[in-house]
C-alpha cells in the first residue's frame, strides 16, 4: 500500500523529517479537537494523513525559529 503523499513528495515542502513529523502530529491533534480542515475532500480518513495532505497542498508551513 502506497501512502499519499509520499515522504519524498513531502520533503520537497519541508526538508526535515523531524519537523515533518512534529508539524503533522500537532496539526492532527488540532483536527481531532476542532474538526476544521484546510483542504477539501481529503483522501485520508485519519487525522495524521489529512495533516500530511495539508502540508503537501501548501496549507501548512514551518517557519524556523531564530537561533
PDB file of N, CA and C in Angstrom:
ATOM      1  N   UNK A   1       0.842  -1.184   0.000  1.00  0.00           N
ATOM      2  CA  UNK A   1       0.000   0.000   0.000  1.00  0.00           C
ATOM      3  C   UNK A   1       0.882   1.240   0.000  1.00  0.00           C
ATOM      4  N   UNK A   2       0.621   2.122  -0.929  1.00  0.00           N
ATOM      5  CA  UNK A   2       1.385   3.363  -1.052  1.00  0.00           C
ATOM      6  C   UNK A   2       0.706   4.466  -0.253  1.00  0.00           C
ATOM      7  N   UNK A   3       1.509   5.230   0.435  1.00  0.00           N
ATOM      8  CA  UNK A   3       0.987   6.378   1.157  1.00  0.00           C
ATOM      9  C   UNK A   3       0.974   7.581   0.236  1.00  0.00           C
ATOM     10  N   UNK A   4      -0.061   8.356   0.331  1.00  0.00           N
ATOM     11  CA  UNK A   4      -0.172   9.586  -0.453  1.00  0.00           C
ATOM     12  C   UNK A   4      -0.304  10.751   0.488  1.00  0.00           C
ATOM     13  N   UNK A   5       0.432  11.759   0.397  1.00  0.00           N
ATOM     14  CA  UNK A   5       1.626  11.926  -0.440  1.00  0.00           C
ATOM     15  C   UNK A   5       2.813  11.156   0.131  1.00  0.00           C
ATOM     16  N   UNK A   6       3.758  10.831  -0.728  1.00  0.00           N
ATOM     17  CA  UNK A   6       4.920  10.051  -0.296  1.00  0.00           C
ATOM     18  C   UNK A   6       5.875  10.932   0.505  1.00  0.00           C
ATOM     19  N   UNK A   7       6.764  10.297   1.235  1.00  0.00           N
ATOM     20  CA  UNK A   7       7.739  11.036   2.037  1.00  0.00           C
ATOM     21  C   UNK A   7       8.636  11.886   1.145  1.00  0.00           C
ATOM     22  N   UNK A   8       8.951  11.397  -0.036  1.00  0.00           N
ATOM     23  CA  UNK A   8       9.781  12.171  -0.965  1.00  0.00           C
ATOM     24  C   UNK A   8       9.055  13.437  -1.415  1.00  0.00           C
ATOM     25  N   UNK A   9       7.776  13.319  -1.696  1.00  0.00           N
ATOM     26  CA  UNK A   9       6.991  14.493  -2.089  1.00  0.00           C
ATOM     27  C   UNK A   9       6.900  15.490  -0.942  1.00  0.00           C
ATOM     28  N   UNK A  10       6.699  14.986   0.270  1.00  0.00           N
ATOM     29  CA  UNK A  10       6.585  15.861   1.431  1.00  0.00           C
ATOM     30  C   UNK A  10       7.898  16.577   1.730  1.00  0.00           C
ATOM     31  N   UNK A  11       9.013  15.924   1.491  1.00  0.00           N
ATOM     32  CA  UNK A  11      10.294  16.546   1.772  1.00  0.00           C
ATOM     33  C   UNK A  11      10.645  17.638   0.782  1.00  0.00           C
ATOM     34  N   UNK A  12       9.907  17.769  -0.303  1.00  0.00           N
ATOM     35  CA  UNK A  12      10.098  18.928  -1.176  1.00  0.00           C
ATOM     36  C   UNK A  12       9.486  20.171  -0.537  1.00  0.00           C
ATOM     37  N   UNK A  13       8.532  19.974   0.373  1.00  0.00           N
ATOM     38  CA  UNK A  13       7.882  21.083   1.080  1.00  0.00           C
ATOM     39  C   UNK A  13       8.616  21.421   2.378  1.00  0.00           C
ATOM     40  N   UNK A  14       8.947  20.385   3.149  1.00  0.00           N
ATOM     41  CA  UNK A  14       9.650  20.534   4.430  1.00  0.00           C
ATOM     42  C   UNK A  14      10.782  19.515   4.418  1.00  0.00           C
ATOM     43  N   UNK A  15      12.030  20.000   4.461  1.00  0.00           N
ATOM     44  CA  UNK A  15      13.157  19.098   4.220  1.00  0.00           C
ATOM     45  C   UNK A  15      13.576  18.264   5.421  1.00  0.00           C
ATOM     46  N   UNK A  16      13.098  18.549   6.604  1.00  0.00           N
ATOM     47  CA  UNK A  16      13.475  17.797   7.798  1.00  0.00           C
ATOM     48  C   UNK A  16      12.371  16.798   8.167  1.00  0.00           C
ATOM     49  N   UNK A  17      12.741  15.534   8.276  1.00  0.00           N
ATOM     50  CA  UNK A  17      11.758  14.516   8.661  1.00  0.00           C
ATOM     51  C   UNK A  17      11.237  14.771  10.065  1.00  0.00           C
ATOM     52  N   UNK A  18      12.118  15.212  10.953  1.00  0.00           N
ATOM     53  CA  UNK A  18      11.707  15.506  12.331  1.00  0.00           C
ATOM     54  C   UNK A  18      10.661  16.625  12.346  1.00  0.00           C
ATOM     55  N   UNK A  19      10.904  17.681  11.621  1.00  0.00           N
ATOM     56  CA  UNK A  19       9.956  18.796  11.548  1.00  0.00           C
ATOM     57  C   UNK A  19       8.651  18.344  10.926  1.00  0.00           C
ATOM     58  N   UNK A  20       8.732  17.520   9.916  1.00  0.00           N
ATOM     59  CA  UNK A  20       7.547  16.994   9.248  1.00  0.00           C
ATOM     60  C   UNK A  20       6.684  16.192  10.214  1.00  0.00           C
ATOM     61  N   UNK A  21       7.306  15.337  11.011  1.00  0.00           N
ATOM     62  CA  UNK A  21       6.576  14.524  11.992  1.00  0.00           C
ATOM     63  C   UNK A  21       5.953  15.406  13.069  1.00  0.00           C
ATOM     64  N   UNK A  22       6.734  16.351  13.581  1.00  0.00           N
ATOM     65  CA  UNK A  22       6.245  17.231  14.639  1.00  0.00           C
ATOM     66  C   UNK A  22       5.083  18.090  14.159  1.00  0.00           C
ATOM     67  N   UNK A  23       5.233  18.687  12.991  1.00  0.00           N
ATOM     68  CA  UNK A  23       4.183  19.544  12.431  1.00  0.00           C
ATOM     69  C   UNK A  23       2.910  18.751  12.154  1.00  0.00           C
ATOM     70  N   UNK A  24       3.048  17.566  11.571  1.00  0.00           N
ATOM     71  CA  UNK A  24       1.861  16.773  11.248  1.00  0.00           C
ATOM     72  C   UNK A  24       1.163  16.265  12.515  1.00  0.00           C
ATOM     73  N   UNK A  25       1.921  15.925  13.545  1.00  0.00           N
ATOM     74  CA  UNK A  25       1.315  15.462  14.799  1.00  0.00           C
ATOM     75  C   UNK A  25       0.541  16.590  15.478  1.00  0.00           C
ATOM     76  N   UNK A  26       1.125  17.774  15.507  1.00  0.00           N
ATOM     77  CA  UNK A  26       0.423  18.928  16.107  1.00  0.00           C
ATOM     78  C   UNK A  26      -0.855  19.242  15.340  1.00  0.00           C
ATOM     79  N   UNK A  27      -0.756  19.225  14.031  1.00  0.00           N
ATOM     80  CA  UNK A  27      -1.926  19.533  13.206  1.00  0.00           C
ATOM     81  C   UNK A  27      -2.996  18.452  13.352  1.00  0.00           C
ATOM     82  N   UNK A  28      -2.586  17.197  13.470  1.00  0.00           N
ATOM     83  CA  UNK A  28      -3.546  16.100  13.642  1.00  0.00           C
ATOM     84  C   UNK A  28      -4.334  16.280  14.936  1.00  0.00           C
ATOM     85  N   UNK A  29      -3.673  16.731  15.998  1.00  0.00           N
ATOM     86  CA  UNK A  29      -4.378  16.995  17.259  1.00  0.00           C
ATOM     87  C   UNK A  29      -5.368  18.143  17.102  1.00  0.00           C
ATOM     88  N   UNK A  30      -4.988  19.169  16.345  1.00  0.00           N
ATOM     89  CA  UNK A  30      -5.910  20.286  16.097  1.00  0.00           C
ATOM     90  C   UNK A  30      -7.133  19.806  15.321  1.00  0.00           C
ATOM     91  N   UNK A  31      -6.916  18.978  14.321  1.00  0.00           N
ATOM     92  CA  UNK A  31      -8.028  18.442  13.528  1.00  0.00           C
ATOM     93  C   UNK A  31      -8.953  17.621  14.416  1.00  0.00           C
ATOM     94  N   UNK A  32      -8.368  16.812  15.299  1.00  0.00           N
ATOM     95  CA  UNK A  32      -9.161  15.982  16.217  1.00  0.00           C
ATOM     96  C   UNK A  32     -10.030  16.853  17.119  1.00  0.00           C
ATOM     97  N   UNK A  33      -9.471  17.934  17.637  1.00  0.00           N
ATOM     98  CA  UNK A  33     -10.188  18.796  18.573  1.00  0.00           C
ATOM     99  C   UNK A  33     -11.202  19.716  17.889  1.00  0.00           C
ATOM    100  N   UNK A  34     -10.855  20.252  16.723  1.00  0.00           N
ATOM    101  CA  UNK A  34     -11.674  21.296  16.089  1.00  0.00           C
ATOM    102  C   UNK A  34     -12.486  20.838  14.886  1.00  0.00           C
ATOM    103  N   UNK A  35     -12.081  19.747  14.259  1.00  0.00           N
ATOM    104  CA  UNK A  35     -12.760  19.233  13.054  1.00  0.00           C
ATOM    105  C   UNK A  35     -12.774  20.240  11.905  1.00  0.00           C
ATOM    106  N   UNK A  36     -11.801  21.160  11.893  1.00  0.00           N
ATOM    107  CA  UNK A  36     -11.698  22.155  10.825  1.00  0.00           C
ATOM    108  C   UNK A  36     -10.550  21.750   9.909  1.00  0.00           C
ATOM    109  N   UNK A  37     -10.854  21.564   8.629  1.00  0.00           N
ATOM    110  CA  UNK A  37      -9.850  21.163   7.649  1.00  0.00           C
ATOM    111  C   UNK A  37      -9.481  22.332   6.759  1.00  0.00           C
ATOM    112  N   UNK A  38      -8.239  22.331   6.283  1.00  0.00           N
ATOM    113  CA  UNK A  38      -7.777  23.379   5.388  1.00  0.00           C
ATOM    114  C   UNK A  38      -7.806  22.942   3.928  1.00  0.00           C
ATOM    115  N   UNK A  39      -8.178  21.689   3.693  1.00  0.00           N
ATOM    116  CA  UNK A  39      -8.315  21.186   2.323  1.00  0.00           C
ATOM    117  C   UNK A  39      -9.705  20.588   2.168  1.00  0.00           C
ATOM    118  N   UNK A  40     -10.166  20.568   0.938  1.00  0.00           N
ATOM    119  CA  UNK A  40     -11.477  19.972   0.668  1.00  0.00           C
ATOM    120  C   UNK A  40     -11.289  18.533   0.201  1.00  0.00           C
ATOM    121  N   UNK A  41     -12.174  17.667   0.650  1.00  0.00           N
ATOM    122  CA  UNK A  41     -12.221  16.274   0.218  1.00  0.00           C
ATOM    123  C   UNK A  41     -10.871  15.550   0.350  1.00  0.00           C
ATOM    124  N   UNK A  42     -10.374  15.395   1.577  1.00  0.00           N
ATOM    125  CA  UNK A  42      -9.104  14.677   1.752  1.00  0.00           C
ATOM    126  C   UNK A  42      -9.247  13.201   1.402  1.00  0.00           C
ATOM    127  N   UNK A  43      -8.173  12.618   0.916  1.00  0.00           N
ATOM    128  CA  UNK A  43      -8.168  11.190   0.573  1.00  0.00           C
ATOM    129  C   UNK A  43      -8.080  10.326   1.819  1.00  0.00           C
ATOM    130  N   UNK A  44      -7.390  10.812   2.829  1.00  0.00           N
ATOM    131  CA  UNK A  44      -7.180  10.054   4.054  1.00  0.00           C
ATOM    132  C   UNK A  44      -8.347  10.235   5.011  1.00  0.00           C
ATOM    133  N   UNK A  45      -8.609   9.201   5.794  1.00  0.00           N
ATOM    134  CA  UNK A  45      -9.649   9.303   6.823  1.00  0.00           C
ATOM    135  C   UNK A  45      -9.030   9.557   8.192  1.00  0.00           C
ATOM    136  N   UNK A  46      -7.724   9.360   8.319  1.00  0.00           N
ATOM    137  CA  UNK A  46      -7.040   9.564   9.592  1.00  0.00           C
ATOM    138  C   UNK A  46      -6.493  10.987   9.666  1.00  0.00           C
ATOM    139  N   UNK A  47      -6.477  11.510  10.879  1.00  0.00           N
ATOM    140  CA  UNK A  47      -6.075  12.901  11.077  1.00  0.00           C
ATOM    141  C   UNK A  47      -4.633  13.174  10.665  1.00  0.00           C
ATOM    142  N   UNK A  48      -3.734  12.245  10.922  1.00  0.00           N
ATOM    143  CA  UNK A  48      -2.335  12.443  10.527  1.00  0.00           C
ATOM    144  C   UNK A  48      -2.223  12.483   9.005  1.00  0.00           C
ATOM    145  N   UNK A  49      -2.944  11.614   8.331  1.00  0.00           N
ATOM    146  CA  UNK A  49      -2.935  11.609   6.869  1.00  0.00           C
ATOM    147  C   UNK A  49      -3.482  12.899   6.302  1.00  0.00           C
ATOM    148  N   UNK A  50      -4.530  13.418   6.915  1.00  0.00           N
ATOM    149  CA  UNK A  50      -5.101  14.695   6.473  1.00  0.00           C
ATOM    150  C   UNK A  50      -4.085  15.813   6.684  1.00  0.00           C
ATOM    151  N   UNK A  51      -3.405  15.794   7.830  1.00  0.00           N
ATOM    152  CA  UNK A  51      -2.380  16.803   8.112  1.00  0.00           C
ATOM    153  C   UNK A  51      -1.265  16.750   7.068  1.00  0.00           C
ATOM    154  N   UNK A  52      -0.848  15.552   6.684  1.00  0.00           N
ATOM    155  CA  UNK A  52       0.192  15.413   5.665  1.00  0.00           C
ATOM    156  C   UNK A  52      -0.297  15.921   4.307  1.00  0.00           C
ATOM    157  N   UNK A  53      -1.555  15.680   3.995  1.00  0.00           N
ATOM    158  CA  UNK A  53      -2.116  16.202   2.749  1.00  0.00           C
ATOM    159  C   UNK A  53      -2.136  17.732   2.772  1.00  0.00           C
ATOM    160  N   UNK A  54      -2.441  18.316   3.927  1.00  0.00           N
ATOM    161  CA  UNK A  54      -2.440  19.776   4.053  1.00  0.00           C
ATOM    162  C   UNK A  54      -1.029  20.335   3.862  1.00  0.00           C
ATOM    163  N   UNK A  55      -0.032  19.648   4.404  1.00  0.00           N
ATOM    164  CA  UNK A  55       1.357  20.084   4.213  1.00  0.00           C
ATOM    165  C   UNK A  55       1.721  20.042   2.741  1.00  0.00           C
ATOM    166  N   UNK A  56       1.375  18.951   2.072  1.00  0.00           N
ATOM    167  CA  UNK A  56       1.704  18.813   0.650  1.00  0.00           C
ATOM    168  C   UNK A  56       0.977  19.845  -0.205  1.00  0.00           C
ATOM    169  N   UNK A  57      -0.238  20.206   0.203  1.00  0.00           N
ATOM    170  CA  UNK A  57      -1.010  21.209  -0.540  1.00  0.00           C
ATOM    171  C   UNK A  57      -0.499  22.628  -0.292  1.00  0.00           C
ATOM    172  N   UNK A  58       0.437  22.780   0.643  1.00  0.00           N
ATOM    173  CA  UNK A  58       0.982  24.107   0.928  1.00  0.00           C
ATOM    174  C   UNK A  58       0.157  24.905   1.907  1.00  0.00           C
ATOM    175  N   UNK A  59      -0.795  24.262   2.574  1.00  0.00           N
ATOM    176  CA  UNK A  59      -1.646  24.950   3.540  1.00  0.00           C
ATOM    177  C   UNK A  59      -0.962  25.100   4.891  1.00  0.00           C
ATOM    178  N   UNK A  60       0.021  24.235   5.170  1.00  0.00           N
ATOM    179  CA  UNK A  60       0.801  24.313   6.406  1.00  0.00           C
ATOM    180  C   UNK A  60       2.258  24.505   6.046  1.00  0.00           C
ATOM    181  N   UNK A  61       2.915  25.400   6.741  1.00  0.00           N
ATOM    182  CA  UNK A  61       4.335  25.616   6.522  1.00  0.00           C
ATOM    183  C   UNK A  61       5.039  25.678   7.862  1.00  0.00           C
ATOM    184  N   UNK A  62       6.344  25.625   7.808  1.00  0.00           N
ATOM    185  CA  UNK A  62       7.153  25.706   9.015  1.00  0.00           C
ATOM    186  C   UNK A  62       8.090  26.901   8.867  1.00  0.00           C
ATOM    187  N   UNK A  63       8.068  27.770   9.848  1.00  0.00           N
ATOM    188  CA  UNK A  63       8.984  28.906   9.872  1.00  0.00           C
ATOM    189  C   UNK A  63      10.007  28.625  10.970  1.00  0.00           C
ATOM    190  N   UNK A  64      11.277  28.418  10.595  1.00  0.00           N
ATOM    191  CA  UNK A  64      12.286  28.089  11.608  1.00  0.00           C
ATOM    192  C   UNK A  64      12.494  29.252  12.580  1.00  0.00           C
ATOM    193  N   UNK A  65      12.714  28.910  13.830  1.00  0.00           N
ATOM    194  CA  UNK A  65      12.981  29.920  14.848  1.00  0.00           C
ATOM    195  C   UNK A  65      14.399  30.438  14.697  1.00  0.00           C
ATOM    196  N   UNK A  66      14.597  31.685  15.046  1.00  0.00           N
ATOM    197  CA  UNK A  66      15.954  32.254  15.013  1.00  0.00           C
ATOM    198  C   UNK A  66      16.788  31.610  16.096  1.00  0.00           C
ATOM    199  N   UNK A  67      18.048  31.419  15.793  1.00  0.00           N
ATOM    200  CA  UNK A  67      18.938  30.772  16.756  1.00  0.00           C
ATOM    201  C   UNK A  67      19.544  31.758  17.701  1.00  0.00           C
TER     202      UNK A  67
END
